[in-house]
Protein backbone atom coordinates (compact mmCIF):
# COMPACT_ATOMS: atom_id res chain seq x y z
CA MET A 1 0.09 0.22 -0.04
CA ASN A 2 1.36 3.43 -0.97
CA THR A 3 0.73 6.13 1.64
CA ASP A 4 -0.10 9.36 0.55
CA PRO A 5 2.92 11.65 1.61
CA ALA A 6 0.56 14.59 2.04
CA ALA A 7 -1.66 12.82 4.32
CA ILE A 8 1.29 11.70 6.41
CA ALA A 9 2.36 15.15 6.61
CA ALA A 10 -1.18 16.18 7.51
CA ALA A 11 -1.23 13.59 10.46
CA ARG A 12 1.97 14.83 11.47
CA GLN A 13 0.77 18.28 11.73
CA VAL A 14 -2.42 17.34 13.57
CA LEU A 15 -0.38 15.31 16.00
CA ALA A 16 1.92 17.82 16.66
CA HIS A 17 -0.87 20.32 17.27
CA LEU A 18 -2.42 17.86 19.77
CA GLY A 19 0.79 17.29 21.54
CA VAL A 20 0.75 13.64 20.48
CA THR A 21 3.30 11.51 19.35
CA VAL A 22 3.15 8.19 17.49
CA THR A 23 5.01 6.47 20.59
CA ASP A 24 1.92 7.72 22.75
CA LEU A 25 -0.68 6.29 20.11
CA GLN A 26 1.02 3.14 20.40
CA SER A 27 1.70 3.09 24.26
CA HIS A 28 -2.32 3.57 24.89
CA PRO A 29 -4.16 1.23 22.92
CA ALA A 30 -7.76 2.35 21.95
CA THR A 31 -10.29 1.06 24.62
CA PRO A 32 -13.88 1.05 23.26
CA SER A 33 -16.10 3.25 25.53
CA VAL A 34 -18.76 0.50 26.62
CA LEU A 35 -22.18 2.62 26.86
CA PRO A 36 -25.14 1.63 29.09
CA THR A 37 -27.78 -0.41 27.50
CA ILE A 38 -31.55 1.05 27.05
CA ALA A 39 -32.32 -1.17 30.21
CA GLU A 40 -29.36 0.14 32.53
CA TYR A 41 -29.82 3.83 31.49
CA LEU A 42 -33.71 4.32 31.22
CA PRO A 43 -34.30 3.73 35.19
CA ARG A 44 -31.50 6.61 35.85
CA VAL A 45 -33.61 8.76 33.45
CA VAL A 46 -36.68 8.03 35.01
CA ALA A 47 -34.98 8.67 38.67
CA ALA A 48 -33.97 11.81 37.46
CA ALA A 49 -37.26 13.22 35.89
CA GLY A 50 -39.82 15.03 37.89
CA PRO A 51 -43.48 13.76 37.94
CA GLY A 52 -44.64 16.01 35.13
CA ALA A 53 -41.53 14.68 32.58
CA ARG A 54 -42.51 11.22 33.76
CA ARG A 55 -46.21 11.33 32.92
CA THR A 56 -45.28 12.68 29.37
CA TYR A 57 -42.70 10.67 28.55
CA GLY A 58 -42.88 7.39 30.32
CA THR A 59 -44.83 5.62 27.64
CA TYR A 60 -41.96 6.22 25.25
CA GLY A 61 -39.31 4.83 27.85
CA ASP A 62 -41.72 2.14 28.10
CA ARG A 63 -41.72 1.35 24.49
CA MET A 64 -37.79 1.69 23.90
CA ALA A 65 -37.20 -0.42 27.06
CA ALA A 66 -39.43 -3.16 25.35
CA ALA A 67 -38.02 -2.86 21.86
CA TRP A 68 -34.38 -2.40 22.61
CA PRO A 69 -33.33 -3.51 26.24
CA ASP A 70 -30.04 -4.97 25.45
CA ARG A 71 -29.04 -2.34 22.84
CA PRO A 72 -25.99 0.24 24.08
CA LEU A 73 -27.27 3.61 23.57
CA ASP A 74 -24.82 4.57 20.77
CA THR A 75 -26.14 1.74 18.40
CA ILE A 76 -29.89 3.37 18.25
CA THR A 77 -30.32 5.78 15.16
CA ALA A 78 -32.99 8.09 14.43
CA SER A 79 -34.45 5.73 11.72
CA ASP A 80 -34.81 3.17 14.61
CA PHE A 81 -36.98 5.89 16.44
CA GLU A 82 -39.10 6.52 13.36
CA ALA A 83 -39.61 2.65 12.95
CA LEU A 84 -40.50 2.59 16.67
CA ASN A 85 -42.92 5.48 16.09
CA ARG A 86 -44.84 3.80 13.35
CA ARG A 87 -45.50 0.57 15.22
């Protein structure tokens, strides 16, 4: 694979701007962030909401919990909400 010299120069410039070296990147492997699932997160939302918000939005939370209990928050898309809304 031939790497574009301009891309390499741009990457070096960005790293320099961030104060990061290639060694820094190699010594700190990326760890995926693990977001909670809908079933884990919704109880926190409900606990933080006031009674009016629970009355207004509670049915939406119930529907999300029933449809996607094991899905991490970052896997749910706008089109998923649209599809849930059409049910």
